[in-house]
Amino acid sequence: QVQPVESGGGLVQAGGSLILSCAASGSISDFNVMGWYRQAPGKQRELVATITSSGTRNYADSVKGRFTISRDNAKNMVFLQMNGLKAEDTAVYFCNVLNFGWSGKRDYWGQGTQVTVSS
């Protein structure tokens, strides 16, 4: 089992910045992918950014140039630096760990943290 726990959400004005953090505990595979997804009211959950344990990053087009994902492998943590926030970034942000264990790959999700951007 892997348990991701998010922190760092909140209320910010448009144009502002926030940093989200996620700490994952449990049986994390040497190769894994950690990332952030978000879900706005009435919409489907969507990818924001992912980063592999070897450092390969992937971003949604809507956040490229504004958000930066990073990780600390020693602490099994992933971070999302969000700059230039817009009202449309308002959503619940979920931390995800894609684990490649002996039984195959499996997704683990955090509880989510609310990010609200006021315009």
PDB file of N, CA and C in Angstrom:
ATOM      1  N   GLN A   1       0.834  -1.203   0.000  1.00  0.00           N
ATOM      2  CA  GLN A   1       0.000   0.000   0.000  1.00  0.00           C
ATOM      3  C   GLN A   1       0.866   1.249   0.000  1.00  0.00           C
ATOM      4  N   VAL A   2       0.384   2.262  -0.704  1.00  0.00           N
ATOM      5  CA  VAL A   2       1.053   3.559  -0.752  1.00  0.00           C
ATOM      6  C   VAL A   2       0.029   4.611  -0.358  1.00  0.00           C
ATOM      7  N   GLN A   3       0.413   5.523   0.494  1.00  0.00           N
ATOM      8  CA  GLN A   3      -0.505   6.565   0.955  1.00  0.00           C
ATOM      9  C   GLN A   3       0.078   7.945   0.666  1.00  0.00           C
ATOM     10  N   PRO A   4      -0.462   8.648  -0.337  1.00  0.00           N
ATOM     11  CA  PRO A   4      -0.034  10.028  -0.577  1.00  0.00           C
ATOM     12  C   PRO A   4      -0.852  10.992   0.283  1.00  0.00           C
ATOM     13  N   VAL A   5      -0.195  12.024   0.809  1.00  0.00           N
ATOM     14  CA  VAL A   5      -0.870  13.036   1.614  1.00  0.00           C
ATOM     15  C   VAL A   5      -0.471  14.407   1.108  1.00  0.00           C
ATOM     16  N   GLU A   6      -1.476  15.178   0.679  1.00  0.00           N
ATOM     17  CA  GLU A   6      -1.218  16.504   0.126  1.00  0.00           C
ATOM     18  C   GLU A   6      -1.276  17.584   1.202  1.00  0.00           C
ATOM     19  N   SER A   7      -0.606  18.697   0.903  1.00  0.00           N
ATOM     20  CA  SER A   7      -0.712  19.892   1.740  1.00  0.00           C
ATOM     21  C   SER A   7      -0.397  21.103   0.878  1.00  0.00           C
ATOM     22  N   GLY A   8      -0.836  22.274   1.342  1.00  0.00           N
ATOM     23  CA  GLY A   8      -0.435  23.512   0.689  1.00  0.00           C
ATOM     24  C   GLY A   8      -1.507  24.230  -0.104  1.00  0.00           C
ATOM     25  N   GLY A   9      -2.705  23.690  -0.169  1.00  0.00           N
ATOM     26  CA  GLY A   9      -3.754  24.394  -0.893  1.00  0.00           C
ATOM     27  C   GLY A   9      -4.208  25.634  -0.153  1.00  0.00           C
ATOM     28  N   GLY A  10      -5.098  26.384  -0.785  1.00  0.00           N
ATOM     29  CA  GLY A  10      -5.619  27.576  -0.131  1.00  0.00           C
ATOM     30  C   GLY A  10      -6.254  28.525  -1.115  1.00  0.00           C
ATOM     31  N   LEU A  11      -6.471  29.746  -0.623  1.00  0.00           N
ATOM     32  CA  LEU A  11      -7.085  30.805  -1.416  1.00  0.00           C
ATOM     33  C   LEU A  11      -6.021  31.805  -1.825  1.00  0.00           C
ATOM     34  N   VAL A  12      -5.998  32.152  -3.110  1.00  0.00           N
ATOM     35  CA  VAL A  12      -5.001  33.100  -3.613  1.00  0.00           C
ATOM     36  C   VAL A  12      -5.649  33.962  -4.685  1.00  0.00           C
ATOM     37  N   GLN A  13      -5.149  35.172  -4.823  1.00  0.00           N
ATOM     38  CA  GLN A  13      -5.655  36.056  -5.873  1.00  0.00           C
ATOM     39  C   GLN A  13      -5.066  35.677  -7.218  1.00  0.00           C
ATOM     40  N   ALA A  14      -5.792  35.998  -8.256  1.00  0.00           N
ATOM     41  CA  ALA A  14      -5.295  35.761  -9.607  1.00  0.00           C
ATOM     42  C   ALA A  14      -3.932  36.430  -9.782  1.00  0.00           C
ATOM     43  N   GLY A  15      -3.028  35.695 -10.416  1.00  0.00           N
ATOM     44  CA  GLY A  15      -1.669  36.171 -10.603  1.00  0.00           C
ATOM     45  C   GLY A  15      -0.721  35.749  -9.491  1.00  0.00           C
ATOM     46  N   GLY A  16      -1.273  35.218  -8.432  1.00  0.00           N
ATOM     47  CA  GLY A  16      -0.466  34.806  -7.294  1.00  0.00           C
ATOM     48  C   GLY A  16       0.144  33.430  -7.469  1.00  0.00           C
ATOM     49  N   SER A  17       0.779  32.971  -6.391  1.00  0.00           N
ATOM     50  CA  SER A  17       1.494  31.693  -6.412  1.00  0.00           C
ATOM     51  C   SER A  17       1.122  30.834  -5.212  1.00  0.00           C
ATOM     52  N   LEU A  18       1.242  29.540  -5.404  1.00  0.00           N
ATOM     53  CA  LEU A  18       1.069  28.565  -4.332  1.00  0.00           C
ATOM     54  C   LEU A  18       2.012  27.406  -4.590  1.00  0.00           C
ATOM     55  N   ILE A  19       2.405  26.734  -3.508  1.00  0.00           N
ATOM     56  CA  ILE A  19       3.187  25.507  -3.634  1.00  0.00           C
ATOM     57  C   ILE A  19       2.403  24.380  -2.984  1.00  0.00           C
ATOM     58  N   LEU A  20       2.175  23.317  -3.725  1.00  0.00           N
ATOM     59  CA  LEU A  20       1.563  22.111  -3.188  1.00  0.00           C
ATOM     60  C   LEU A  20       2.653  21.092  -2.904  1.00  0.00           C
ATOM     61  N   SER A  21       2.475  20.361  -1.816  1.00  0.00           N
ATOM     62  CA  SER A  21       3.409  19.296  -1.454  1.00  0.00           C
ATOM     63  C   SER A  21       2.637  18.004  -1.263  1.00  0.00           C
ATOM     64  N   CYS A  22       3.327  16.911  -1.540  1.00  0.00           N
ATOM     65  CA  CYS A  22       2.730  15.594  -1.327  1.00  0.00           C
ATOM     66  C   CYS A  22       3.808  14.666  -0.798  1.00  0.00           C
ATOM     67  N   ALA A  23       3.516  14.033   0.320  1.00  0.00           N
ATOM     68  CA  ALA A  23       4.420  13.050   0.905  1.00  0.00           C
ATOM     69  C   ALA A  23       3.789  11.683   0.771  1.00  0.00           C
ATOM     70  N   ALA A  24       4.521  10.762   0.189  1.00  0.00           N
ATOM     71  CA  ALA A  24       4.012   9.403  -0.006  1.00  0.00           C
ATOM     72  C   ALA A  24       4.733   8.449   0.927  1.00  0.00           C
ATOM     73  N   SER A  25       3.967   7.590   1.563  1.00  0.00           N
ATOM     74  CA  SER A  25       4.543   6.586   2.457  1.00  0.00           C
ATOM     75  C   SER A  25       4.099   5.207   2.002  1.00  0.00           C
ATOM     76  N   GLY A  26       4.794   4.194   2.480  1.00  0.00           N
ATOM     77  CA  GLY A  26       4.429   2.828   2.138  1.00  0.00           C
ATOM     78  C   GLY A  26       5.435   2.172   1.216  1.00  0.00           C
ATOM     79  N   SER A  27       4.990   1.149   0.519  1.00  0.00           N
ATOM     80  CA  SER A  27       5.868   0.332  -0.332  1.00  0.00           C
ATOM     81  C   SER A  27       5.948   0.945  -1.734  1.00  0.00           C
ATOM     82  N   ILE A  28       6.821   1.902  -1.872  1.00  0.00           N
ATOM     83  CA  ILE A  28       6.967   2.607  -3.140  1.00  0.00           C
ATOM     84  C   ILE A  28       8.058   1.942  -3.966  1.00  0.00           C
ATOM     85  N   SER A  29       7.727   1.653  -5.215  1.00  0.00           N
ATOM     86  CA  SER A  29       8.665   0.971  -6.095  1.00  0.00           C
ATOM     87  C   SER A  29       9.804   1.910  -6.492  1.00  0.00           C
ATOM     88  N   ASP A  30      10.948   1.301  -6.842  1.00  0.00           N
ATOM     89  CA  ASP A  30      12.112   2.111  -7.225  1.00  0.00           C
ATOM     90  C   ASP A  30      11.780   2.998  -8.420  1.00  0.00           C
ATOM     91  N   PHE A  31      11.129   2.417  -9.426  1.00  0.00           N
ATOM     92  CA  PHE A  31      10.642   3.250 -10.513  1.00  0.00           C
ATOM     93  C   PHE A  31       9.168   3.560 -10.261  1.00  0.00           C
ATOM     94  N   ASN A  32       8.822   4.832 -10.264  1.00  0.00           N
ATOM     95  CA  ASN A  32       7.437   5.214 -10.069  1.00  0.00           C
ATOM     96  C   ASN A  32       7.191   6.560 -10.747  1.00  0.00           C
ATOM     97  N   VAL A  33       5.961   6.912 -10.854  1.00  0.00           N
ATOM     98  CA  VAL A  33       5.596   8.218 -11.402  1.00  0.00           C
ATOM     99  C   VAL A  33       4.733   8.918 -10.369  1.00  0.00           C
ATOM    100  N   MET A  34       5.118  10.115 -10.011  1.00  0.00           N
ATOM    101  CA  MET A  34       4.323  10.911  -9.080  1.00  0.00           C
ATOM    102  C   MET A  34       3.769  12.105  -9.836  1.00  0.00           C
ATOM    103  N   GLY A  35       2.592  12.513  -9.467  1.00  0.00           N
ATOM    104  CA  GLY A  35       2.014  13.615 -10.218  1.00  0.00           C
ATOM    105  C   GLY A  35       0.856  14.283  -9.531  1.00  0.00           C
ATOM    106  N   TRP A  36       0.355  15.290 -10.221  1.00  0.00           N
ATOM    107  CA  TRP A  36      -0.781  16.061  -9.743  1.00  0.00           C
ATOM    108  C   TRP A  36      -1.882  16.059 -10.787  1.00  0.00           C
ATOM    109  N   TYR A  37      -3.081  15.848 -10.307  1.00  0.00           N
ATOM    110  CA  TYR A  37      -4.283  15.939 -11.119  1.00  0.00           C
ATOM    111  C   TYR A  37      -5.219  16.916 -10.420  1.00  0.00           C
ATOM    112  N   ARG A  38      -6.189  17.415 -11.158  1.00  0.00           N
ATOM    113  CA  ARG A  38      -7.145  18.327 -10.540  1.00  0.00           C
ATOM    114  C   ARG A  38      -8.544  18.066 -11.073  1.00  0.00           C
ATOM    115  N   GLN A  39      -9.500  18.448 -10.240  1.00  0.00           N
ATOM    116  CA  GLN A  39     -10.893  18.277 -10.621  1.00  0.00           C
ATOM    117  C   GLN A  39     -11.673  19.511 -10.193  1.00  0.00           C
ATOM    118  N   ALA A  40     -12.203  20.210 -11.172  1.00  0.00           N
ATOM    119  CA  ALA A  40     -13.037  21.374 -10.910  1.00  0.00           C
ATOM    120  C   ALA A  40     -14.496  20.932 -10.800  1.00  0.00           C
ATOM    121  N   PRO A  41     -15.325  21.710 -10.142  1.00  0.00           N
ATOM    122  CA  PRO A  41     -16.741  21.330 -10.000  1.00  0.00           C
ATOM    123  C   PRO A  41     -17.405  21.076 -11.348  1.00  0.00           C
ATOM    124  N   GLY A  42     -18.055  19.932 -11.467  1.00  0.00           N
ATOM    125  CA  GLY A  42     -18.760  19.601 -12.689  1.00  0.00           C
ATOM    126  C   GLY A  42     -17.891  19.126 -13.826  1.00  0.00           C
ATOM    127  N   LYS A  43     -16.593  18.957 -13.549  1.00  0.00           N
ATOM    128  CA  LYS A  43     -15.674  18.516 -14.611  1.00  0.00           C
ATOM    129  C   LYS A  43     -14.980  17.231 -14.214  1.00  0.00           C
ATOM    130  N   GLN A  44     -14.408  16.585 -15.210  1.00  0.00           N
ATOM    131  CA  GLN A  44     -13.664  15.368 -14.950  1.00  0.00           C
ATOM    132  C   GLN A  44     -12.281  15.684 -14.395  1.00  0.00           C
ATOM    133  N   ARG A  45     -11.740  14.732 -13.688  1.00  0.00           N
ATOM    134  CA  ARG A  45     -10.372  14.887 -13.189  1.00  0.00           C
ATOM    135  C   ARG A  45      -9.420  14.923 -14.380  1.00  0.00           C
ATOM    136  N   GLU A  46      -8.450  15.837 -14.323  1.00  0.00           N
ATOM    137  CA  GLU A  46      -7.526  15.982 -15.441  1.00  0.00           C
ATOM    138  C   GLU A  46      -6.091  16.037 -14.939  1.00  0.00           C
ATOM    139  N   LEU A  47      -5.190  15.625 -15.816  1.00  0.00           N
ATOM    140  CA  LEU A  47      -3.768  15.659 -15.485  1.00  0.00           C
ATOM    141  C   LEU A  47      -3.278  17.099 -15.441  1.00  0.00           C
ATOM    142  N   VAL A  48      -2.436  17.380 -14.448  1.00  0.00           N
ATOM    143  CA  VAL A  48      -1.763  18.679 -14.373  1.00  0.00           C
ATOM    144  C   VAL A  48      -0.293  18.505 -14.744  1.00  0.00           C
ATOM    145  N   ALA A  49       0.378  17.614 -14.030  1.00  0.00           N
ATOM    146  CA  ALA A  49       1.797  17.381 -14.291  1.00  0.00           C
ATOM    147  C   ALA A  49       2.223  16.075 -13.636  1.00  0.00           C
ATOM    148  N   THR A  50       3.191  15.409 -14.265  1.00  0.00           N
ATOM    149  CA  THR A  50       3.769  14.202 -13.688  1.00  0.00           C
ATOM    150  C   THR A  50       5.282  14.263 -13.792  1.00  0.00           C
ATOM    151  N   ILE A  51       5.923  13.480 -12.935  1.00  0.00           N
ATOM    152  CA  ILE A  51       7.381  13.375 -12.967  1.00  0.00           C
ATOM    153  C   ILE A  51       7.762  11.956 -12.573  1.00  0.00           C
ATOM    154  N   THR A  52       8.631  11.355 -13.364  1.00  0.00           N
ATOM    155  CA  THR A  52       9.063  10.004 -13.049  1.00  0.00           C
ATOM    156  C   THR A  52      10.180  10.033 -12.006  1.00  0.00           C
ATOM    157  N   SER A  53      10.485   8.881 -11.452  1.00  0.00           N
ATOM    158  CA  SER A  53      11.552   8.797 -10.464  1.00  0.00           C
ATOM    159  C   SER A  53      12.907   9.128 -11.084  1.00  0.00           C
ATOM    160  N   SER A  54      12.997   9.066 -12.406  1.00  0.00           N
ATOM    161  CA  SER A  54      14.239   9.448 -13.079  1.00  0.00           C
ATOM    162  C   SER A  54      14.224  10.897 -13.535  1.00  0.00           C
ATOM    163  N   GLY A  55      13.129  11.614 -13.274  1.00  0.00           N
ATOM    164  CA  GLY A  55      13.097  13.054 -13.513  1.00  0.00           C
ATOM    165  C   GLY A  55      12.417  13.524 -14.784  1.00  0.00           C
ATOM    166  N   THR A  56      11.826  12.627 -15.539  1.00  0.00           N
ATOM    167  CA  THR A  56      11.127  13.052 -16.756  1.00  0.00           C
ATOM    168  C   THR A  56       9.793  13.704 -16.383  1.00  0.00           C
ATOM    169  N   ARG A  57       9.584  14.897 -16.907  1.00  0.00           N
ATOM    170  CA  ARG A  57       8.397  15.676 -16.578  1.00  0.00           C
ATOM    171  C   ARG A  57       7.410  15.733 -17.744  1.00  0.00           C
ATOM    172  N   ASN A  58       6.142  15.865 -17.380  1.00  0.00           N
ATOM    173  CA  ASN A  58       5.084  16.017 -18.364  1.00  0.00           C
ATOM    174  C   ASN A  58       4.077  17.008 -17.800  1.00  0.00           C
ATOM    175  N   TYR A  59       3.638  17.950 -18.642  1.00  0.00           N
ATOM    176  CA  TYR A  59       2.706  18.973 -18.206  1.00  0.00           C
ATOM    177  C   TYR A  59       1.492  19.049 -19.128  1.00  0.00           C
ATOM    178  N   ALA A  60       0.365  19.395 -18.552  1.00  0.00           N
ATOM    179  CA  ALA A  60      -0.788  19.748 -19.367  1.00  0.00           C
ATOM    180  C   ALA A  60      -0.480  21.063 -20.076  1.00  0.00           C
ATOM    181  N   ASP A  61      -1.004  21.204 -21.283  1.00  0.00           N
ATOM    182  CA  ASP A  61      -0.754  22.430 -22.048  1.00  0.00           C
ATOM    183  C   ASP A  61      -1.225  23.672 -21.290  1.00  0.00           C
ATOM    184  N   SER A  62      -2.287  23.525 -20.523  1.00  0.00           N
ATOM    185  CA  SER A  62      -2.882  24.678 -19.838  1.00  0.00           C
ATOM    186  C   SER A  62      -2.001  25.243 -18.725  1.00  0.00           C
ATOM    187  N   VAL A  63      -1.003  24.480 -18.283  1.00  0.00           N
ATOM    188  CA  VAL A  63      -0.165  24.951 -17.175  1.00  0.00           C
ATOM    189  C   VAL A  63       1.296  25.132 -17.574  1.00  0.00           C
ATOM    190  N   LYS A  64       1.643  24.767 -18.796  1.00  0.00           N
ATOM    191  CA  LYS A  64       3.033  24.902 -19.239  1.00  0.00           C
ATOM    192  C   LYS A  64       3.491  26.354 -19.118  1.00  0.00           C
ATOM    193  N   GLY A  65       4.683  26.534 -18.575  1.00  0.00           N
ATOM    194  CA  GLY A  65       5.222  27.873 -18.406  1.00  0.00           C
ATOM    195  C   GLY A  65       4.785  28.551 -17.127  1.00  0.00           C
ATOM    196  N   ARG A  66       3.804  27.997 -16.435  1.00  0.00           N
ATOM    197  CA  ARG A  66       3.318  28.586 -15.184  1.00  0.00           C
ATOM    198  C   ARG A  66       3.576  27.671 -13.985  1.00  0.00           C
ATOM    199  N   PHE A  67       3.430  26.371 -14.180  1.00  0.00           N
ATOM    200  CA  PHE A  67       3.593  25.406 -13.092  1.00  0.00           C
ATOM    201  C   PHE A  67       4.892  24.637 -13.279  1.00  0.00           C
ATOM    202  N   THR A  68       5.502  24.256 -12.166  1.00  0.00           N
ATOM    203  CA  THR A  68       6.711  23.441 -12.196  1.00  0.00           C
ATOM    204  C   THR A  68       6.571  22.300 -11.199  1.00  0.00           C
ATOM    205  N   ILE A  69       6.789  21.085 -11.686  1.00  0.00           N
ATOM    206  CA  ILE A  69       6.738  19.920 -10.808  1.00  0.00           C
ATOM    207  C   ILE A  69       8.161  19.493 -10.479  1.00  0.00           C
ATOM    208  N   SER A  70       8.359  19.087  -9.234  1.00  0.00           N
ATOM    209  CA  SER A  70       9.667  18.598  -8.806  1.00  0.00           C
ATOM    210  C   SER A  70       9.448  17.520  -7.756  1.00  0.00           C
ATOM    211  N   ARG A  71      10.526  16.814  -7.429  1.00  0.00           N
ATOM    212  CA  ARG A  71      10.383  15.754  -6.437  1.00  0.00           C
ATOM    213  C   ARG A  71      11.663  15.585  -5.648  1.00  0.00           C
ATOM    214  N   ASP A  72      11.500  14.990  -4.485  1.00  0.00           N
ATOM    215  CA  ASP A  72      12.623  14.612  -3.630  1.00  0.00           C
ATOM    216  C   ASP A  72      12.519  13.108  -3.451  1.00  0.00           C
ATOM    217  N   ASN A  73      13.333  12.369  -4.180  1.00  0.00           N
ATOM    218  CA  ASN A  73      13.228  10.907  -4.148  1.00  0.00           C
ATOM    219  C   ASN A  73      13.573  10.339  -2.773  1.00  0.00           C
ATOM    220  N   ALA A  74      14.511  10.955  -2.097  1.00  0.00           N
ATOM    221  CA  ALA A  74      14.924  10.447  -0.784  1.00  0.00           C
ATOM    222  C   ALA A  74      13.776  10.502   0.222  1.00  0.00           C
ATOM    223  N   LYS A  75      12.886  11.496   0.050  1.00  0.00           N
ATOM    224  CA  LYS A  75      11.767  11.672   0.982  1.00  0.00           C
ATOM    225  C   LYS A  75      10.441  11.224   0.389  1.00  0.00           C
ATOM    226  N   ASN A  76      10.476  10.720  -0.846  1.00  0.00           N
ATOM    227  CA  ASN A  76       9.238  10.321  -1.535  1.00  0.00           C
ATOM    228  C   ASN A  76       8.214  11.451  -1.530  1.00  0.00           C
ATOM    229  N   MET A  77       8.687  12.617  -1.920  1.00  0.00           N
ATOM    230  CA  MET A  77       7.819  13.783  -1.963  1.00  0.00           C
ATOM    231  C   MET A  77       7.780  14.367  -3.374  1.00  0.00           C
ATOM    232  N   VAL A  78       6.652  14.964  -3.706  1.00  0.00           N
ATOM    233  CA  VAL A  78       6.503  15.657  -4.972  1.00  0.00           C
ATOM    234  C   VAL A  78       5.891  17.024  -4.687  1.00  0.00           C
ATOM    235  N   PHE A  79       6.322  18.011  -5.472  1.00  0.00           N
ATOM    236  CA  PHE A  79       5.906  19.390  -5.257  1.00  0.00           C
ATOM    237  C   PHE A  79       5.348  19.971  -6.551  1.00  0.00           C
ATOM    238  N   LEU A  80       4.460  20.926  -6.398  1.00  0.00           N
ATOM    239  CA  LEU A  80       3.939  21.641  -7.554  1.00  0.00           C
ATOM    240  C   LEU A  80       3.995  23.130  -7.247  1.00  0.00           C
ATOM    241  N   GLN A  81       4.906  23.814  -7.923  1.00  0.00           N
ATOM    242  CA  GLN A  81       5.011  25.262  -7.812  1.00  0.00           C
ATOM    243  C   GLN A  81       4.071  25.864  -8.843  1.00  0.00           C
ATOM    244  N   MET A  82       3.105  26.639  -8.368  1.00  0.00           N
ATOM    245  CA  MET A  82       2.105  27.209  -9.262  1.00  0.00           C
ATOM    246  C   MET A  82       2.237  28.724  -9.247  1.00  0.00           C
ATOM    247  N   ASN A  83       2.610  29.284 -10.399  1.00  0.00           N
ATOM    248  CA  ASN A  83       2.743  30.724 -10.552  1.00  0.00           C
ATOM    249  C   ASN A  83       1.719  31.227 -11.564  1.00  0.00           C
ATOM    250  N   GLY A  84       1.455  32.508 -11.517  1.00  0.00           N
ATOM    251  CA  GLY A  84       0.524  33.081 -12.485  1.00  0.00           C
ATOM    252  C   GLY A  84      -0.837  32.420 -12.456  1.00  0.00           C
ATOM    253  N   LEU A  85      -1.329  32.164 -11.240  1.00  0.00           N
ATOM    254  CA  LEU A  85      -2.587  31.428 -11.114  1.00  0.00           C
ATOM    255  C   LEU A  85      -3.747  32.198 -11.719  1.00  0.00           C
ATOM    256  N   LYS A  86      -4.651  31.432 -12.321  1.00  0.00           N
ATOM    257  CA  LYS A  86      -5.839  31.983 -12.956  1.00  0.00           C
ATOM    258  C   LYS A  86      -7.087  31.409 -12.294  1.00  0.00           C
ATOM    259  N   ALA A  87      -8.199  32.076 -12.487  1.00  0.00           N
ATOM    260  CA  ALA A  87      -9.455  31.594 -11.900  1.00  0.00           C
ATOM    261  C   ALA A  87      -9.759  30.169 -12.363  1.00  0.00           C
ATOM    262  N   GLU A  88      -9.398  29.854 -13.601  1.00  0.00           N
ATOM    263  CA  GLU A  88      -9.678  28.516 -14.122  1.00  0.00           C
ATOM    264  C   GLU A  88      -8.787  27.437 -13.534  1.00  0.00           C
ATOM    265  N   ASP A  89      -7.813  27.820 -12.715  1.00  0.00           N
ATOM    266  CA  ASP A  89      -7.007  26.830 -11.997  1.00  0.00           C
ATOM    267  C   ASP A  89      -7.704  26.363 -10.717  1.00  0.00           C
ATOM    268  N   THR A  90      -8.809  26.998 -10.376  1.00  0.00           N
ATOM    269  CA  THR A  90      -9.548  26.605  -9.178  1.00  0.00           C
ATOM    270  C   THR A  90     -10.041  25.166  -9.308  1.00  0.00           C
ATOM    271  N   ALA A  91      -9.681  24.339  -8.335  1.00  0.00           N
ATOM    272  CA  ALA A  91     -10.030  22.921  -8.379  1.00  0.00           C
ATOM    273  C   ALA A  91      -9.524  22.251  -7.099  1.00  0.00           C
ATOM    274  N   VAL A  92      -9.936  21.015  -6.932  1.00  0.00           N
ATOM    275  CA  VAL A  92      -9.304  20.168  -5.928  1.00  0.00           C
ATOM    276  C   VAL A  92      -8.124  19.473  -6.611  1.00  0.00           C
ATOM    277  N   TYR A  93      -6.969  19.590  -6.015  1.00  0.00           N
ATOM    278  CA  TYR A  93      -5.756  19.013  -6.575  1.00  0.00           C
ATOM    279  C   TYR A  93      -5.418  17.722  -5.833  1.00  0.00           C
ATOM    280  N   PHE A  94      -5.211  16.675  -6.618  1.00  0.00           N
ATOM    281  CA  PHE A  94      -4.934  15.354  -6.063  1.00  0.00           C
ATOM    282  C   PHE A  94      -3.511  14.918  -6.403  1.00  0.00           C
ATOM    283  N   CYS A  95      -2.851  14.375  -5.409  1.00  0.00           N
ATOM    284  CA  CYS A  95      -1.543  13.764  -5.622  1.00  0.00           C
ATOM    285  C   CYS A  95      -1.747  12.312  -6.058  1.00  0.00           C
ATOM    286  N   ASN A  96      -0.964  11.895  -7.013  1.00  0.00           N
ATOM    287  CA  ASN A  96      -1.055  10.523  -7.518  1.00  0.00           C
ATOM    288  C   ASN A  96       0.321   9.877  -7.516  1.00  0.00           C
ATOM    289  N   VAL A  97       0.339   8.615  -7.118  1.00  0.00           N
ATOM    290  CA  VAL A  97       1.554   7.809  -7.232  1.00  0.00           C
ATOM    291  C   VAL A  97       1.211   6.600  -8.087  1.00  0.00           C
ATOM    292  N   LEU A  98       1.900   6.460  -9.203  1.00  0.00           N
ATOM    293  CA  LEU A  98       1.771   5.273 -10.046  1.00  0.00           C
ATOM    294  C   LEU A  98       2.935   4.353  -9.687  1.00  0.00           C
ATOM    295  N   ASN A  99       2.602   3.280  -9.015  1.00  0.00           N
ATOM    296  CA  ASN A  99       3.595   2.365  -8.468  1.00  0.00           C
ATOM    297  C   ASN A  99       3.759   1.154  -9.376  1.00  0.00           C
ATOM    298  N   PHE A 100       5.002   0.709  -9.516  1.00  0.00           N
ATOM    299  CA  PHE A 100       5.279  -0.485 -10.320  1.00  0.00           C
ATOM    300  C   PHE A 100       5.831  -1.554  -9.384  1.00  0.00           C
ATOM    301  N   GLY A 101       4.904  -2.194  -8.651  1.00  0.00           N
ATOM    302  CA  GLY A 101       5.309  -3.215  -7.693  1.00  0.00           C
ATOM    303  C   GLY A 101       5.367  -4.591  -8.323  1.00  0.00           C
ATOM    304  N   TRP A 102       5.613  -5.590  -7.488  1.00  0.00           N
ATOM    305  CA  TRP A 102       5.764  -6.959  -7.977  1.00  0.00           C
ATOM    306  C   TRP A 102       4.473  -7.502  -8.568  1.00  0.00           C
ATOM    307  N   SER A 103       3.341  -6.921  -8.149  1.00  0.00           N
ATOM    308  CA  SER A 103       2.050  -7.389  -8.652  1.00  0.00           C
ATOM    309  C   SER A 103       1.560  -6.573  -9.844  1.00  0.00           C
ATOM    310  N   GLY A 104       2.390  -5.676 -10.337  1.00  0.00           N
ATOM    311  CA  GLY A 104       1.995  -4.862 -11.473  1.00  0.00           C
ATOM    312  C   GLY A 104       1.869  -3.408 -11.096  1.00  0.00           C
ATOM    313  N   LYS A 105       1.417  -2.573 -12.039  1.00  0.00           N
ATOM    314  CA  LYS A 105       1.301  -1.147 -11.746  1.00  0.00           C
ATOM    315  C   LYS A 105      -0.045  -0.829 -11.120  1.00  0.00           C
ATOM    316  N   ARG A 106      -0.017   0.144 -10.225  1.00  0.00           N
ATOM    317  CA  ARG A 106      -1.228   0.505  -9.511  1.00  0.00           C
ATOM    318  C   ARG A 106      -1.181   1.975  -9.133  1.00  0.00           C
ATOM    319  N   ASP A 107      -2.340   2.626  -9.235  1.00  0.00           N
ATOM    320  CA  ASP A 107      -2.484   4.032  -8.877  1.00  0.00           C
ATOM    321  C   ASP A 107      -2.884   4.173  -7.423  1.00  0.00           C
ATOM    322  N   TYR A 108      -2.291   5.162  -6.769  1.00  0.00           N
ATOM    323  CA  TYR A 108      -2.695   5.534  -5.425  1.00  0.00           C
ATOM    324  C   TYR A 108      -2.986   7.037  -5.423  1.00  0.00           C
ATOM    325  N   TRP A 109      -4.057   7.420  -4.731  1.00  0.00           N
ATOM    326  CA  TRP A 109      -4.502   8.811  -4.723  1.00  0.00           C
ATOM    327  C   TRP A 109      -4.539   9.377  -3.316  1.00  0.00           C
ATOM    328  N   GLY A 110      -4.199  10.648  -3.201  1.00  0.00           N
ATOM    329  CA  GLY A 110      -4.389  11.357  -1.955  1.00  0.00           C
ATOM    330  C   GLY A 110      -5.824  11.828  -1.833  1.00  0.00           C
ATOM    331  N   GLN A 111      -6.118  12.476  -0.715  1.00  0.00           N
ATOM    332  CA  GLN A 111      -7.474  12.939  -0.446  1.00  0.00           C
ATOM    333  C   GLN A 111      -7.813  14.217  -1.200  1.00  0.00           C
ATOM    334  N   GLY A 112      -6.807  14.925  -1.623  1.00  0.00           N
ATOM    335  CA  GLY A 112      -7.037  16.169  -2.360  1.00  0.00           C
ATOM    336  C   GLY A 112      -6.892  17.395  -1.485  1.00  0.00           C
ATOM    337  N   THR A 113      -6.500  18.493  -2.119  1.00  0.00           N
ATOM    338  CA  THR A 113      -6.404  19.771  -1.425  1.00  0.00           C
ATOM    339  C   THR A 113      -7.007  20.849  -2.322  1.00  0.00           C
ATOM    340  N   GLN A 114      -7.803  21.704  -1.726  1.00  0.00           N
ATOM    341  CA  GLN A 114      -8.530  22.715  -2.494  1.00  0.00           C
ATOM    342  C   GLN A 114      -7.633  23.904  -2.825  1.00  0.00           C
ATOM    343  N   VAL A 115      -7.651  24.298  -4.080  1.00  0.00           N
ATOM    344  CA  VAL A 115      -7.000  25.526  -4.523  1.00  0.00           C
ATOM    345  C   VAL A 115      -8.080  26.427  -5.113  1.00  0.00           C
ATOM    346  N   THR A 116      -8.208  27.607  -4.554  1.00  0.00           N
ATOM    347  CA  THR A 116      -9.198  28.563  -5.036  1.00  0.00           C
ATOM    348  C   THR A 116      -8.498  29.846  -5.454  1.00  0.00           C
ATOM    349  N   VAL A 117      -8.726  30.247  -6.690  1.00  0.00           N
ATOM    350  CA  VAL A 117      -8.110  31.461  -7.225  1.00  0.00           C
ATOM    351  C   VAL A 117      -9.215  32.484  -7.451  1.00  0.00           C
ATOM    352  N   SER A 118      -9.113  33.597  -6.753  1.00  0.00           N
ATOM    353  CA  SER A 118     -10.126  34.644  -6.884  1.00  0.00           C
ATOM    354  C   SER A 118      -9.715  35.634  -7.964  1.00  0.00           C
ATOM    355  N   SER A 119     -10.681  36.025  -8.766  1.00  0.00           N
ATOM    356  CA  SER A 119     -10.379  36.944  -9.877  1.00  0.00           C
ATOM    357  C   SER A 119     -10.694  38.386  -9.505  1.00  0.00           C
TER     358      SER A 119
END
